[in-house]
Amino acid sequence: VQLVESGGGLVQAGGSLRLSCAASGRTVSTYAMGWFRQAPGKEREFVAAISWNGGNKLYADSVKGRFTISRDNAKNTIYLQMDSLKPEDTAVYYCAAQTVPFGIATMSSKSYDSWGQGTQVTVSS
């Protein structure tokens, strides 16, 4: 499955962005999906994840209450709504899929085996 992220950009602190992850090649309706991010000089870290049916969602403590993950299986697309953005949210954001059917949301990057190329999010102070 191919994953393409979009929606990144430059935003002031306190602003909002919505990232999209469009899947192609096969349906992701039965796959758990996740968002990760990597800031310059830092390791890739978990941001949010959603189970295949949307019934279970996980968030990193640093984004809980500010970010919302969702999915539209009819559009084969995953979203990450980011509100109240902070400069420390600046990073390249990656979408990832667990290509095992009916997966649960997990925080470990090792559980995901298909990755997008990433989209840059920059939050200015």
PDB file of N, CA and C in Angstrom:
ATOM      1  N   VAL A   1       0.855  -1.176   0.000  1.00  0.00           N
ATOM      2  CA  VAL A   1       0.000   0.000   0.000  1.00  0.00           C
ATOM      3  C   VAL A   1       0.896   1.232   0.000  1.00  0.00           C
ATOM      4  N   GLN A   2       0.510   2.238  -0.789  1.00  0.00           N
ATOM      5  CA  GLN A   2       1.259   3.502  -0.838  1.00  0.00           C
ATOM      6  C   GLN A   2       0.508   4.545  -0.011  1.00  0.00           C
ATOM      7  N   LEU A   3       1.276   5.278   0.775  1.00  0.00           N
ATOM      8  CA  LEU A   3       0.700   6.297   1.656  1.00  0.00           C
ATOM      9  C   LEU A   3       1.293   7.651   1.291  1.00  0.00           C
ATOM     10  N   VAL A   4       0.442   8.652   1.122  1.00  0.00           N
ATOM     11  CA  VAL A   4       0.903   9.995   0.779  1.00  0.00           C
ATOM     12  C   VAL A   4       0.291  10.988   1.753  1.00  0.00           C
ATOM     13  N   GLU A   5       1.156  11.662   2.496  1.00  0.00           N
ATOM     14  CA  GLU A   5       0.712  12.674   3.447  1.00  0.00           C
ATOM     15  C   GLU A   5       0.607  14.034   2.764  1.00  0.00           C
ATOM     16  N   SER A   6      -0.297  14.838   3.280  1.00  0.00           N
ATOM     17  CA  SER A   6      -0.451  16.212   2.806  1.00  0.00           C
ATOM     18  C   SER A   6      -1.018  17.053   3.936  1.00  0.00           C
ATOM     19  N   GLY A   7      -0.986  18.369   3.738  1.00  0.00           N
ATOM     20  CA  GLY A   7      -1.584  19.271   4.712  1.00  0.00           C
ATOM     21  C   GLY A   7      -0.604  19.957   5.632  1.00  0.00           C
ATOM     22  N   GLY A   8       0.670  19.605   5.521  1.00  0.00           N
ATOM     23  CA  GLY A   8       1.656  20.277   6.352  1.00  0.00           C
ATOM     24  C   GLY A   8       1.883  21.708   5.893  1.00  0.00           C
ATOM     25  N   GLY A   9       2.649  22.436   6.684  1.00  0.00           N
ATOM     26  CA  GLY A   9       2.944  23.820   6.329  1.00  0.00           C
ATOM     27  C   GLY A   9       3.470  24.589   7.508  1.00  0.00           C
ATOM     28  N   LEU A  10       3.471  25.897   7.345  1.00  0.00           N
ATOM     29  CA  LEU A  10       3.941  26.814   8.382  1.00  0.00           C
ATOM     30  C   LEU A  10       2.735  27.460   9.055  1.00  0.00           C
ATOM     31  N   VAL A  11       2.719  27.421  10.385  1.00  0.00           N
ATOM     32  CA  VAL A  11       1.604  27.982  11.131  1.00  0.00           C
ATOM     33  C   VAL A  11       2.141  28.626  12.403  1.00  0.00           C
ATOM     34  N   GLN A  12       1.452  29.641  12.882  1.00  0.00           N
ATOM     35  CA  GLN A  12       1.861  30.279  14.130  1.00  0.00           C
ATOM     36  C   GLN A  12       1.415  29.448  15.327  1.00  0.00           C
ATOM     37  N   ALA A  13       2.131  29.615  16.413  1.00  0.00           N
ATOM     38  CA  ALA A  13       1.751  28.926  17.640  1.00  0.00           C
ATOM     39  C   ALA A  13       0.296  29.261  17.997  1.00  0.00           C
ATOM     40  N   GLY A  14      -0.429  28.226  18.419  1.00  0.00           N
ATOM     41  CA  GLY A  14      -1.840  28.391  18.717  1.00  0.00           C
ATOM     42  C   GLY A  14      -2.752  28.091  17.540  1.00  0.00           C
ATOM     43  N   GLY A  15      -2.168  27.943  16.370  1.00  0.00           N
ATOM     44  CA  GLY A  15      -2.955  27.678  15.174  1.00  0.00           C
ATOM     45  C   GLY A  15      -3.268  26.202  14.997  1.00  0.00           C
ATOM     46  N   SER A  16      -3.883  25.896  13.847  1.00  0.00           N
ATOM     47  CA  SER A  16      -4.329  24.537  13.563  1.00  0.00           C
ATOM     48  C   SER A  16      -3.909  24.106  12.162  1.00  0.00           C
ATOM     49  N   LEU A  17      -3.746  22.819  12.015  1.00  0.00           N
ATOM     50  CA  LEU A  17      -3.523  22.194  10.716  1.00  0.00           C
ATOM     51  C   LEU A  17      -4.230  20.846  10.712  1.00  0.00           C
ATOM     52  N   ARG A  18      -4.638  20.404   9.531  1.00  0.00           N
ATOM     53  CA  ARG A  18      -5.174  19.053   9.396  1.00  0.00           C
ATOM     54  C   ARG A  18      -4.342  18.307   8.379  1.00  0.00           C
ATOM     55  N   LEU A  19      -3.708  17.254   8.828  1.00  0.00           N
ATOM     56  CA  LEU A  19      -2.936  16.400   7.945  1.00  0.00           C
ATOM     57  C   LEU A  19      -3.831  15.302   7.388  1.00  0.00           C
ATOM     58  N   SER A  20      -3.571  14.949   6.142  1.00  0.00           N
ATOM     59  CA  SER A  20      -4.271  13.837   5.512  1.00  0.00           C
ATOM     60  C   SER A  20      -3.260  12.795   5.064  1.00  0.00           C
ATOM     61  N   CYS A  21      -3.689  11.561   5.079  1.00  0.00           N
ATOM     62  CA  CYS A  21      -2.869  10.452   4.600  1.00  0.00           C
ATOM     63  C   CYS A  21      -3.739   9.644   3.647  1.00  0.00           C
ATOM     64  N   ALA A  22      -3.462   9.788   2.362  1.00  0.00           N
ATOM     65  CA  ALA A  22      -4.246   9.088   1.350  1.00  0.00           C
ATOM     66  C   ALA A  22      -3.546   7.788   0.978  1.00  0.00           C
ATOM     67  N   ALA A  23      -4.290   6.711   1.048  1.00  0.00           N
ATOM     68  CA  ALA A  23      -3.738   5.401   0.723  1.00  0.00           C
ATOM     69  C   ALA A  23      -4.173   4.988  -0.674  1.00  0.00           C
ATOM     70  N   SER A  24      -3.291   4.285  -1.350  1.00  0.00           N
ATOM     71  CA  SER A  24      -3.614   3.759  -2.667  1.00  0.00           C
ATOM     72  C   SER A  24      -2.965   2.387  -2.826  1.00  0.00           C
ATOM     73  N   GLY A  25      -3.416   1.679  -3.805  1.00  0.00           N
ATOM     74  CA  GLY A  25      -2.879   0.347  -4.050  1.00  0.00           C
ATOM     75  C   GLY A  25      -3.730  -0.754  -3.446  1.00  0.00           C
ATOM     76  N   ARG A  26      -4.272  -0.488  -2.279  1.00  0.00           N
ATOM     77  CA  ARG A  26      -5.206  -1.414  -1.643  1.00  0.00           C
ATOM     78  C   ARG A  26      -5.959  -0.652  -0.566  1.00  0.00           C
ATOM     79  N   THR A  27      -7.060  -1.185  -0.163  1.00  0.00           N
ATOM     80  CA  THR A  27      -7.822  -0.538   0.899  1.00  0.00           C
ATOM     81  C   THR A  27      -7.124  -0.693   2.251  1.00  0.00           C
ATOM     82  N   VAL A  28      -7.214   0.358   3.049  1.00  0.00           N
ATOM     83  CA  VAL A  28      -6.657   0.296   4.404  1.00  0.00           C
ATOM     84  C   VAL A  28      -7.769   0.175   5.435  1.00  0.00           C
ATOM     85  N   SER A  29      -8.973  -0.142   4.978  1.00  0.00           N
ATOM     86  CA  SER A  29     -10.124  -0.172   5.874  1.00  0.00           C
ATOM     87  C   SER A  29      -9.996  -1.211   6.982  1.00  0.00           C
ATOM     88  N   THR A  30      -9.158  -2.216   6.798  1.00  0.00           N
ATOM     89  CA  THR A  30      -8.979  -3.229   7.842  1.00  0.00           C
ATOM     90  C   THR A  30      -7.638  -3.096   8.558  1.00  0.00           C
ATOM     91  N   TYR A  31      -6.936  -1.995   8.301  1.00  0.00           N
ATOM     92  CA  TYR A  31      -5.609  -1.801   8.897  1.00  0.00           C
ATOM     93  C   TYR A  31      -5.651  -0.763  10.023  1.00  0.00           C
ATOM     94  N   ALA A  32      -4.954  -1.029  11.101  1.00  0.00           N
ATOM     95  CA  ALA A  32      -4.685   0.009  12.076  1.00  0.00           C
ATOM     96  C   ALA A  32      -3.688   0.986  11.449  1.00  0.00           C
ATOM     97  N   MET A  33      -3.848   2.254  11.781  1.00  0.00           N
ATOM     98  CA  MET A  33      -3.021   3.297  11.190  1.00  0.00           C
ATOM     99  C   MET A  33      -2.431   4.181  12.283  1.00  0.00           C
ATOM    100  N   GLY A  34      -1.307   4.783  11.974  1.00  0.00           N
ATOM    101  CA  GLY A  34      -0.689   5.644  12.966  1.00  0.00           C
ATOM    102  C   GLY A  34      -0.025   6.856  12.348  1.00  0.00           C
ATOM    103  N   TRP A  35       0.205   7.838  13.193  1.00  0.00           N
ATOM    104  CA  TRP A  35       0.983   9.027  12.836  1.00  0.00           C
ATOM    105  C   TRP A  35       2.207   9.085  13.761  1.00  0.00           C
ATOM    106  N   PHE A  36       3.329   9.370  13.155  1.00  0.00           N
ATOM    107  CA  PHE A  36       4.571   9.543  13.892  1.00  0.00           C
ATOM    108  C   PHE A  36       5.212  10.848  13.433  1.00  0.00           C
ATOM    109  N   ARG A  37       6.186  11.327  14.176  1.00  0.00           N
ATOM    110  CA  ARG A  37       6.873  12.556  13.768  1.00  0.00           C
ATOM    111  C   ARG A  37       8.343  12.467  14.137  1.00  0.00           C
ATOM    112  N   GLN A  38       9.131  13.231  13.400  1.00  0.00           N
ATOM    113  CA  GLN A  38      10.565  13.279  13.671  1.00  0.00           C
ATOM    114  C   GLN A  38      11.049  14.707  13.537  1.00  0.00           C
ATOM    115  N   ALA A  39      11.555  15.241  14.622  1.00  0.00           N
ATOM    116  CA  ALA A  39      12.129  16.576  14.635  1.00  0.00           C
ATOM    117  C   ALA A  39      13.623  16.486  14.327  1.00  0.00           C
ATOM    118  N   PRO A  40      14.216  17.563  13.856  1.00  0.00           N
ATOM    119  CA  PRO A  40      15.645  17.541  13.535  1.00  0.00           C
ATOM    120  C   PRO A  40      16.490  17.112  14.735  1.00  0.00           C
ATOM    121  N   GLY A  41      17.368  16.145  14.493  1.00  0.00           N
ATOM    122  CA  GLY A  41      18.254  15.687  15.549  1.00  0.00           C
ATOM    123  C   GLY A  41      17.629  14.775  16.571  1.00  0.00           C
ATOM    124  N   LYS A  42      16.360  14.409  16.357  1.00  0.00           N
ATOM    125  CA  LYS A  42      15.671  13.555  17.314  1.00  0.00           C
ATOM    126  C   LYS A  42      15.193  12.282  16.641  1.00  0.00           C
ATOM    127  N   GLU A  43      14.885  11.288  17.459  1.00  0.00           N
ATOM    128  CA  GLU A  43      14.357  10.039  16.924  1.00  0.00           C
ATOM    129  C   GLU A  43      12.877  10.190  16.560  1.00  0.00           C
ATOM    130  N   ARG A  44      12.429   9.328  15.688  1.00  0.00           N
ATOM    131  CA  ARG A  44      11.017   9.325  15.330  1.00  0.00           C
ATOM    132  C   ARG A  44      10.197   8.935  16.556  1.00  0.00           C
ATOM    133  N   GLU A  45       9.094   9.632  16.781  1.00  0.00           N
ATOM    134  CA  GLU A  45       8.267   9.360  17.949  1.00  0.00           C
ATOM    135  C   GLU A  45       6.805   9.195  17.558  1.00  0.00           C
ATOM    136  N   PHE A  46       6.125   8.439  18.382  1.00  0.00           N
ATOM    137  CA  PHE A  46       4.701   8.186  18.198  1.00  0.00           C
ATOM    138  C   PHE A  46       3.889   9.441  18.463  1.00  0.00           C
ATOM    139  N   VAL A  47       2.854   9.647  17.657  1.00  0.00           N
ATOM    140  CA  VAL A  47       1.942  10.765  17.863  1.00  0.00           C
ATOM    141  C   VAL A  47       0.525  10.262  18.180  1.00  0.00           C
ATOM    142  N   ALA A  48      -0.027   9.453  17.272  1.00  0.00           N
ATOM    143  CA  ALA A  48      -1.392   8.972  17.450  1.00  0.00           C
ATOM    144  C   ALA A  48      -1.604   7.715  16.622  1.00  0.00           C
ATOM    145  N   ALA A  49      -2.583   6.917  17.034  1.00  0.00           N
ATOM    146  CA  ALA A  49      -2.916   5.703  16.293  1.00  0.00           C
ATOM    147  C   ALA A  49      -4.401   5.426  16.403  1.00  0.00           C
ATOM    148  N   ILE A  50      -4.920   4.710  15.418  1.00  0.00           N
ATOM    149  CA  ILE A  50      -6.340   4.386  15.383  1.00  0.00           C
ATOM    150  C   ILE A  50      -6.499   2.950  14.911  1.00  0.00           C
ATOM    151  N   SER A  51      -7.396   2.222  15.554  1.00  0.00           N
ATOM    152  CA  SER A  51      -7.641   0.839  15.180  1.00  0.00           C
ATOM    153  C   SER A  51      -8.364   0.773  13.842  1.00  0.00           C
ATOM    154  N   TRP A  52      -8.478  -0.426  13.301  1.00  0.00           N
ATOM    155  CA  TRP A  52      -9.009  -0.585  11.957  1.00  0.00           C
ATOM    156  C   TRP A  52     -10.437  -0.055  11.829  1.00  0.00           C
ATOM    157  N   ASN A  53     -11.224  -0.152  12.906  1.00  0.00           N
ATOM    158  CA  ASN A  53     -12.614   0.300  12.827  1.00  0.00           C
ATOM    159  C   ASN A  53     -12.832   1.631  13.536  1.00  0.00           C
ATOM    160  N   GLY A  54     -11.739   2.247  13.971  1.00  0.00           N
ATOM    161  CA  GLY A  54     -11.849   3.547  14.629  1.00  0.00           C
ATOM    162  C   GLY A  54     -12.302   3.481  16.068  1.00  0.00           C
ATOM    163  N   GLY A  55     -12.490   2.278  16.574  1.00  0.00           N
ATOM    164  CA  GLY A  55     -13.017   2.140  17.916  1.00  0.00           C
ATOM    165  C   GLY A  55     -12.001   2.378  19.023  1.00  0.00           C
ATOM    166  N   ASN A  56     -10.738   2.329  18.693  1.00  0.00           N
ATOM    167  CA  ASN A  56      -9.698   2.538  19.688  1.00  0.00           C
ATOM    168  C   ASN A  56      -8.691   3.548  19.155  1.00  0.00           C
ATOM    169  N   LYS A  57      -8.398   4.550  19.950  1.00  0.00           N
ATOM    170  CA  LYS A  57      -7.439   5.582  19.568  1.00  0.00           C
ATOM    171  C   LYS A  57      -6.430   5.781  20.696  1.00  0.00           C
ATOM    172  N   LEU A  58      -5.200   5.998  20.297  1.00  0.00           N
ATOM    173  CA  LEU A  58      -4.136   6.263  21.263  1.00  0.00           C
ATOM    174  C   LEU A  58      -3.446   7.565  20.906  1.00  0.00           C
ATOM    175  N   TYR A  59      -2.988   8.267  21.931  1.00  0.00           N
ATOM    176  CA  TYR A  59      -2.279   9.524  21.709  1.00  0.00           C
ATOM    177  C   TYR A  59      -1.049   9.588  22.605  1.00  0.00           C
ATOM    178  N   ALA A  60      -0.006  10.218  22.092  1.00  0.00           N
ATOM    179  CA  ALA A  60       1.124  10.538  22.945  1.00  0.00           C
ATOM    180  C   ALA A  60       0.685  11.578  23.969  1.00  0.00           C
ATOM    181  N   ASP A  61       1.267  11.516  25.148  1.00  0.00           N
ATOM    182  CA  ASP A  61       0.885  12.462  26.196  1.00  0.00           C
ATOM    183  C   ASP A  61       1.090  13.906  25.745  1.00  0.00           C
ATOM    184  N   SER A  62       2.093  14.138  24.926  1.00  0.00           N
ATOM    185  CA  SER A  62       2.428  15.491  24.509  1.00  0.00           C
ATOM    186  C   SER A  62       1.385  16.118  23.593  1.00  0.00           C
ATOM    187  N   VAL A  63       0.518  15.304  22.994  1.00  0.00           N
ATOM    188  CA  VAL A  63      -0.483  15.841  22.065  1.00  0.00           C
ATOM    189  C   VAL A  63      -1.909  15.578  22.532  1.00  0.00           C
ATOM    190  N   LYS A  64      -2.057  14.851  23.623  1.00  0.00           N
ATOM    191  CA  LYS A  64      -3.396  14.502  24.106  1.00  0.00           C
ATOM    192  C   LYS A  64      -4.193  15.765  24.409  1.00  0.00           C
ATOM    193  N   GLY A  65      -5.423  15.804  23.909  1.00  0.00           N
ATOM    194  CA  GLY A  65      -6.276  16.965  24.113  1.00  0.00           C
ATOM    195  C   GLY A  65      -6.113  18.041  23.060  1.00  0.00           C
ATOM    196  N   ARG A  66      -5.075  17.922  22.234  1.00  0.00           N
ATOM    197  CA  ARG A  66      -4.840  18.920  21.176  1.00  0.00           C
ATOM    198  C   ARG A  66      -4.969  18.306  19.778  1.00  0.00           C
ATOM    199  N   PHE A  67      -4.595  17.059  19.631  1.00  0.00           N
ATOM    200  CA  PHE A  67      -4.640  16.381  18.335  1.00  0.00           C
ATOM    201  C   PHE A  67      -5.764  15.345  18.328  1.00  0.00           C
ATOM    202  N   THR A  68      -6.341  15.130  17.148  1.00  0.00           N
ATOM    203  CA  THR A  68      -7.388  14.127  16.979  1.00  0.00           C
ATOM    204  C   THR A  68      -7.124  13.318  15.721  1.00  0.00           C
ATOM    205  N   ILE A  69      -7.061  12.025  15.877  1.00  0.00           N
ATOM    206  CA  ILE A  69      -6.898  11.139  14.723  1.00  0.00           C
ATOM    207  C   ILE A  69      -8.263  10.603  14.316  1.00  0.00           C
ATOM    208  N   SER A  70      -8.474  10.483  13.014  1.00  0.00           N
ATOM    209  CA  SER A  70      -9.731   9.942  12.514  1.00  0.00           C
ATOM    210  C   SER A  70      -9.474   9.255  11.184  1.00  0.00           C
ATOM    211  N   ARG A  71     -10.476   8.543  10.724  1.00  0.00           N
ATOM    212  CA  ARG A  71     -10.333   7.855   9.449  1.00  0.00           C
ATOM    213  C   ARG A  71     -11.656   7.870   8.695  1.00  0.00           C
ATOM    214  N   ASP A  72     -11.534   7.878   7.372  1.00  0.00           N
ATOM    215  CA  ASP A  72     -12.693   7.767   6.490  1.00  0.00           C
ATOM    216  C   ASP A  72     -12.385   6.610   5.556  1.00  0.00           C
ATOM    217  N   ASN A  73     -12.880   5.442   5.918  1.00  0.00           N
ATOM    218  CA  ASN A  73     -12.541   4.247   5.138  1.00  0.00           C
ATOM    219  C   ASN A  73     -13.122   4.302   3.726  1.00  0.00           C
ATOM    220  N   ALA A  74     -14.200   5.023   3.549  1.00  0.00           N
ATOM    221  CA  ALA A  74     -14.773   5.160   2.205  1.00  0.00           C
ATOM    222  C   ALA A  74     -13.824   5.933   1.291  1.00  0.00           C
ATOM    223  N   LYS A  75     -13.038   6.826   1.870  1.00  0.00           N
ATOM    224  CA  LYS A  75     -12.079   7.611   1.095  1.00  0.00           C
ATOM    225  C   LYS A  75     -10.663   7.045   1.190  1.00  0.00           C
ATOM    226  N   ASN A  76     -10.521   5.978   1.966  1.00  0.00           N
ATOM    227  CA  ASN A  76      -9.199   5.354   2.132  1.00  0.00           C
ATOM    228  C   ASN A  76      -8.183   6.369   2.658  1.00  0.00           C
ATOM    229  N   THR A  77      -8.624   7.179   3.607  1.00  0.00           N
ATOM    230  CA  THR A  77      -7.826   8.308   4.090  1.00  0.00           C
ATOM    231  C   THR A  77      -7.867   8.387   5.612  1.00  0.00           C
ATOM    232  N   ILE A  78      -6.709   8.757   6.164  1.00  0.00           N
ATOM    233  CA  ILE A  78      -6.575   8.976   7.602  1.00  0.00           C
ATOM    234  C   ILE A  78      -6.265  10.454   7.824  1.00  0.00           C
ATOM    235  N   TYR A  79      -6.747  10.988   8.921  1.00  0.00           N
ATOM    236  CA  TYR A  79      -6.539  12.403   9.205  1.00  0.00           C
ATOM    237  C   TYR A  79      -5.888  12.590  10.578  1.00  0.00           C
ATOM    238  N   LEU A  80      -5.211  13.707  10.704  1.00  0.00           N
ATOM    239  CA  LEU A  80      -4.719  14.148  12.002  1.00  0.00           C
ATOM    240  C   LEU A  80      -5.031  15.628  12.139  1.00  0.00           C
ATOM    241  N   GLN A  81      -6.038  15.928  12.947  1.00  0.00           N
ATOM    242  CA  GLN A  81      -6.392  17.326  13.238  1.00  0.00           C
ATOM    243  C   GLN A  81      -5.498  17.803  14.371  1.00  0.00           C
ATOM    244  N   MET A  82      -4.772  18.865  14.124  1.00  0.00           N
ATOM    245  CA  MET A  82      -3.829  19.394  15.112  1.00  0.00           C
ATOM    246  C   MET A  82      -4.245  20.802  15.499  1.00  0.00           C
ATOM    247  N   ASP A  83      -4.622  20.981  16.737  1.00  0.00           N
ATOM    248  CA  ASP A  83      -5.043  22.281  17.260  1.00  0.00           C
ATOM    249  C   ASP A  83      -4.071  22.743  18.345  1.00  0.00           C
ATOM    250  N   SER A  84      -4.143  24.021  18.655  1.00  0.00           N
ATOM    251  CA  SER A  84      -3.290  24.604  19.705  1.00  0.00           C
ATOM    252  C   SER A  84      -1.829  24.203  19.503  1.00  0.00           C
ATOM    253  N   LEU A  85      -1.375  24.373  18.294  1.00  0.00           N
ATOM    254  CA  LEU A  85      -0.017  23.933  17.954  1.00  0.00           C
ATOM    255  C   LEU A  85       1.033  24.734  18.715  1.00  0.00           C
ATOM    256  N   LYS A  86       2.120  24.042  19.030  1.00  0.00           N
ATOM    257  CA  LYS A  86       3.237  24.631  19.764  1.00  0.00           C
ATOM    258  C   LYS A  86       4.514  24.513  18.925  1.00  0.00           C
ATOM    259  N   PRO A  87       5.472  25.370  19.173  1.00  0.00           N
ATOM    260  CA  PRO A  87       6.744  25.255  18.428  1.00  0.00           C
ATOM    261  C   PRO A  87       7.375  23.867  18.536  1.00  0.00           C
ATOM    262  N   GLU A  88       7.184  23.216  19.664  1.00  0.00           N
ATOM    263  CA  GLU A  88       7.768  21.876  19.841  1.00  0.00           C
ATOM    264  C   GLU A  88       7.058  20.807  19.023  1.00  0.00           C
ATOM    265  N   ASP A  89       5.969  21.164  18.353  1.00  0.00           N
ATOM    266  CA  ASP A  89       5.309  20.233  17.434  1.00  0.00           C
ATOM    267  C   ASP A  89       5.973  20.234  16.055  1.00  0.00           C
ATOM    268  N   THR A  90       6.925  21.135  15.859  1.00  0.00           N
ATOM    269  CA  THR A  90       7.623  21.206  14.578  1.00  0.00           C
ATOM    270  C   THR A  90       8.352  19.905  14.291  1.00  0.00           C
ATOM    271  N   ALA A  91       8.061  19.312  13.142  1.00  0.00           N
ATOM    272  CA  ALA A  91       8.646  18.015  12.781  1.00  0.00           C
ATOM    273  C   ALA A  91       8.146  17.614  11.400  1.00  0.00           C
ATOM    274  N   VAL A  92       8.736  16.556  10.883  1.00  0.00           N
ATOM    275  CA  VAL A  92       8.173  15.880   9.722  1.00  0.00           C
ATOM    276  C   VAL A  92       7.209  14.829  10.253  1.00  0.00           C
ATOM    277  N   TYR A  93       5.996  14.844   9.765  1.00  0.00           N
ATOM    278  CA  TYR A  93       4.951  13.930  10.219  1.00  0.00           C
ATOM    279  C   TYR A  93       4.765  12.806   9.192  1.00  0.00           C
ATOM    280  N   TYR A  94       4.772  11.587   9.699  1.00  0.00           N
ATOM    281  CA  TYR A  94       4.657  10.397   8.861  1.00  0.00           C
ATOM    282  C   TYR A  94       3.394   9.615   9.186  1.00  0.00           C
ATOM    283  N   CYS A  95       2.772   9.123   8.147  1.00  0.00           N
ATOM    284  CA  CYS A  95       1.639   8.218   8.267  1.00  0.00           C
ATOM    285  C   CYS A  95       2.169   6.789   8.109  1.00  0.00           C
ATOM    286  N   ALA A  96       1.571   5.857   8.841  1.00  0.00           N
ATOM    287  CA  ALA A  96       2.029   4.476   8.780  1.00  0.00           C
ATOM    288  C   ALA A  96       0.854   3.524   8.896  1.00  0.00           C
ATOM    289  N   ALA A  97       1.012   2.346   8.299  1.00  0.00           N
ATOM    290  CA  ALA A  97      -0.046   1.338   8.313  1.00  0.00           C
ATOM    291  C   ALA A  97       0.481   0.009   8.835  1.00  0.00           C
ATOM    292  N   GLN A  98      -0.364  -0.666   9.582  1.00  0.00           N
ATOM    293  CA  GLN A  98      -0.098  -2.059   9.960  1.00  0.00           C
ATOM    294  C   GLN A  98      -0.827  -2.914   8.943  1.00  0.00           C
ATOM    295  N   THR A  99      -0.104  -3.533   8.013  1.00  0.00           N
ATOM    296  CA  THR A  99      -0.765  -4.258   6.932  1.00  0.00           C
ATOM    297  C   THR A  99      -1.116  -5.678   7.333  1.00  0.00           C
ATOM    298  N   VAL A 100      -1.636  -5.790   8.535  1.00  0.00           N
ATOM    299  CA  VAL A 100      -2.205  -7.041   9.028  1.00  0.00           C
ATOM    300  C   VAL A 100      -3.652  -6.716   9.359  1.00  0.00           C
ATOM    301  N   PRO A 101      -4.602  -7.413   8.797  1.00  0.00           N
ATOM    302  CA  PRO A 101      -6.013  -7.053   8.996  1.00  0.00           C
ATOM    303  C   PRO A 101      -6.465  -7.039  10.455  1.00  0.00           C
ATOM    304  N   PHE A 102      -7.361  -6.105  10.732  1.00  0.00           N
ATOM    305  CA  PHE A 102      -8.031  -6.008  12.024  1.00  0.00           C
ATOM    306  C   PHE A 102      -7.068  -5.772  13.179  1.00  0.00           C
ATOM    307  N   GLY A 103      -6.095  -4.933  12.919  1.00  0.00           N
ATOM    308  CA  GLY A 103      -5.125  -4.618  13.944  1.00  0.00           C
ATOM    309  C   GLY A 103      -5.652  -3.613  14.953  1.00  0.00           C
ATOM    310  N   ILE A 104      -4.962  -3.561  16.103  1.00  0.00           N
ATOM    311  CA  ILE A 104      -5.330  -2.605  17.137  1.00  0.00           C
ATOM    312  C   ILE A 104      -4.356  -1.442  17.077  1.00  0.00           C
ATOM    313  N   ALA A 105      -4.734  -0.346  17.656  1.00  0.00           N
ATOM    314  CA  ALA A 105      -3.855   0.810  17.704  1.00  0.00           C
ATOM    315  C   ALA A 105      -2.685   0.537  18.641  1.00  0.00           C
ATOM    316  N   THR A 106      -1.483   0.788  18.162  1.00  0.00           N
ATOM    317  CA  THR A 106      -0.307   0.585  18.989  1.00  0.00           C
ATOM    318  C   THR A 106       0.643   1.765  18.852  1.00  0.00           C
ATOM    319  N   MET A 107       1.505   1.940  19.850  1.00  0.00           N
ATOM    320  CA  MET A 107       2.448   3.044  19.864  1.00  0.00           C
ATOM    321  C   MET A 107       3.787   2.699  19.243  1.00  0.00           C
ATOM    322  N   SER A 108       4.068   1.422  19.112  1.00  0.00           N
ATOM    323  CA  SER A 108       5.390   1.000  18.657  1.00  0.00           C
ATOM    324  C   SER A 108       5.514   1.122  17.146  1.00  0.00           C
ATOM    325  N   SER A 109       6.557   1.812  16.702  1.00  0.00           N
ATOM    326  CA  SER A 109       6.780   1.954  15.265  1.00  0.00           C
ATOM    327  C   SER A 109       7.068   0.604  14.608  1.00  0.00           C
ATOM    328  N   LYS A 110       7.532  -0.346  15.399  1.00  0.00           N
ATOM    329  CA  LYS A 110       7.849  -1.669  14.847  1.00  0.00           C
ATOM    330  C   LYS A 110       6.599  -2.418  14.400  1.00  0.00           C
ATOM    331  N   SER A 111       5.443  -1.977  14.869  1.00  0.00           N
ATOM    332  CA  SER A 111       4.189  -2.637  14.487  1.00  0.00           C
ATOM    333  C   SER A 111       3.701  -2.209  13.114  1.00  0.00           C
ATOM    334  N   TYR A 112       4.303  -1.169  12.566  1.00  0.00           N
ATOM    335  CA  TYR A 112       3.857  -0.600  11.292  1.00  0.00           C
ATOM    336  C   TYR A 112       4.853  -0.960  10.199  1.00  0.00           C
ATOM    337  N   ASP A 113       4.350  -1.416   9.069  1.00  0.00           N
ATOM    338  CA  ASP A 113       5.254  -1.896   8.035  1.00  0.00           C
ATOM    339  C   ASP A 113       5.110  -1.190   6.703  1.00  0.00           C
ATOM    340  N   SER A 114       4.293  -0.162   6.651  1.00  0.00           N
ATOM    341  CA  SER A 114       4.184   0.640   5.443  1.00  0.00           C
ATOM    342  C   SER A 114       4.169   2.105   5.861  1.00  0.00           C
ATOM    343  N   TRP A 115       5.022   2.921   5.251  1.00  0.00           N
ATOM    344  CA  TRP A 115       5.217   4.305   5.673  1.00  0.00           C
ATOM    345  C   TRP A 115       5.121   5.258   4.490  1.00  0.00           C
ATOM    346  N   GLY A 116       4.601   6.449   4.779  1.00  0.00           N
ATOM    347  CA  GLY A 116       4.615   7.499   3.789  1.00  0.00           C
ATOM    348  C   GLY A 116       5.940   8.247   3.801  1.00  0.00           C
ATOM    349  N   GLN A 117       6.049   9.246   2.938  1.00  0.00           N
ATOM    350  CA  GLN A 117       7.290  10.021   2.807  1.00  0.00           C
ATOM    351  C   GLN A 117       7.357  11.184   3.791  1.00  0.00           C
ATOM    352  N   GLY A 118       6.238  11.535   4.372  1.00  0.00           N
ATOM    353  CA  GLY A 118       6.228  12.580   5.382  1.00  0.00           C
ATOM    354  C   GLY A 118       5.823  13.937   4.835  1.00  0.00           C
ATOM    355  N   THR A 119       5.338  14.770   5.745  1.00  0.00           N
ATOM    356  CA  THR A 119       4.986  16.145   5.414  1.00  0.00           C
ATOM    357  C   THR A 119       5.510  17.039   6.539  1.00  0.00           C
ATOM    358  N   GLN A 120       6.082  18.165   6.158  1.00  0.00           N
ATOM    359  CA  GLN A 120       6.720  19.051   7.126  1.00  0.00           C
ATOM    360  C   GLN A 120       5.681  19.943   7.805  1.00  0.00           C
ATOM    361  N   VAL A 121       5.762  19.999   9.118  1.00  0.00           N
ATOM    362  CA  VAL A 121       4.953  20.928   9.916  1.00  0.00           C
ATOM    363  C   VAL A 121       5.912  21.818  10.681  1.00  0.00           C
ATOM    364  N   THR A 122       5.746  23.119  10.501  1.00  0.00           N
ATOM    365  CA  THR A 122       6.594  24.087  11.192  1.00  0.00           C
ATOM    366  C   THR A 122       5.705  25.057  11.955  1.00  0.00           C
ATOM    367  N   VAL A 123       5.940  25.162  13.247  1.00  0.00           N
ATOM    368  CA  VAL A 123       5.150  26.044  14.105  1.00  0.00           C
ATOM    369  C   VAL A 123       6.063  27.152  14.614  1.00  0.00           C
ATOM    370  N   SER A 124       5.727  28.364  14.270  1.00  0.00           N
ATOM    371  CA  SER A 124       6.544  29.504  14.680  1.00  0.00           C
ATOM    372  C   SER A 124       6.025  30.092  15.982  1.00  0.00           C
ATOM    373  N   SER A 125       6.934  30.633  16.758  1.00  0.00           N
ATOM    374  CA  SER A 125       6.542  31.199  18.054  1.00  0.00           C
ATOM    375  C   SER A 125       6.176  32.662  17.933  1.00  0.00           C
TER     376      SER A 125
END
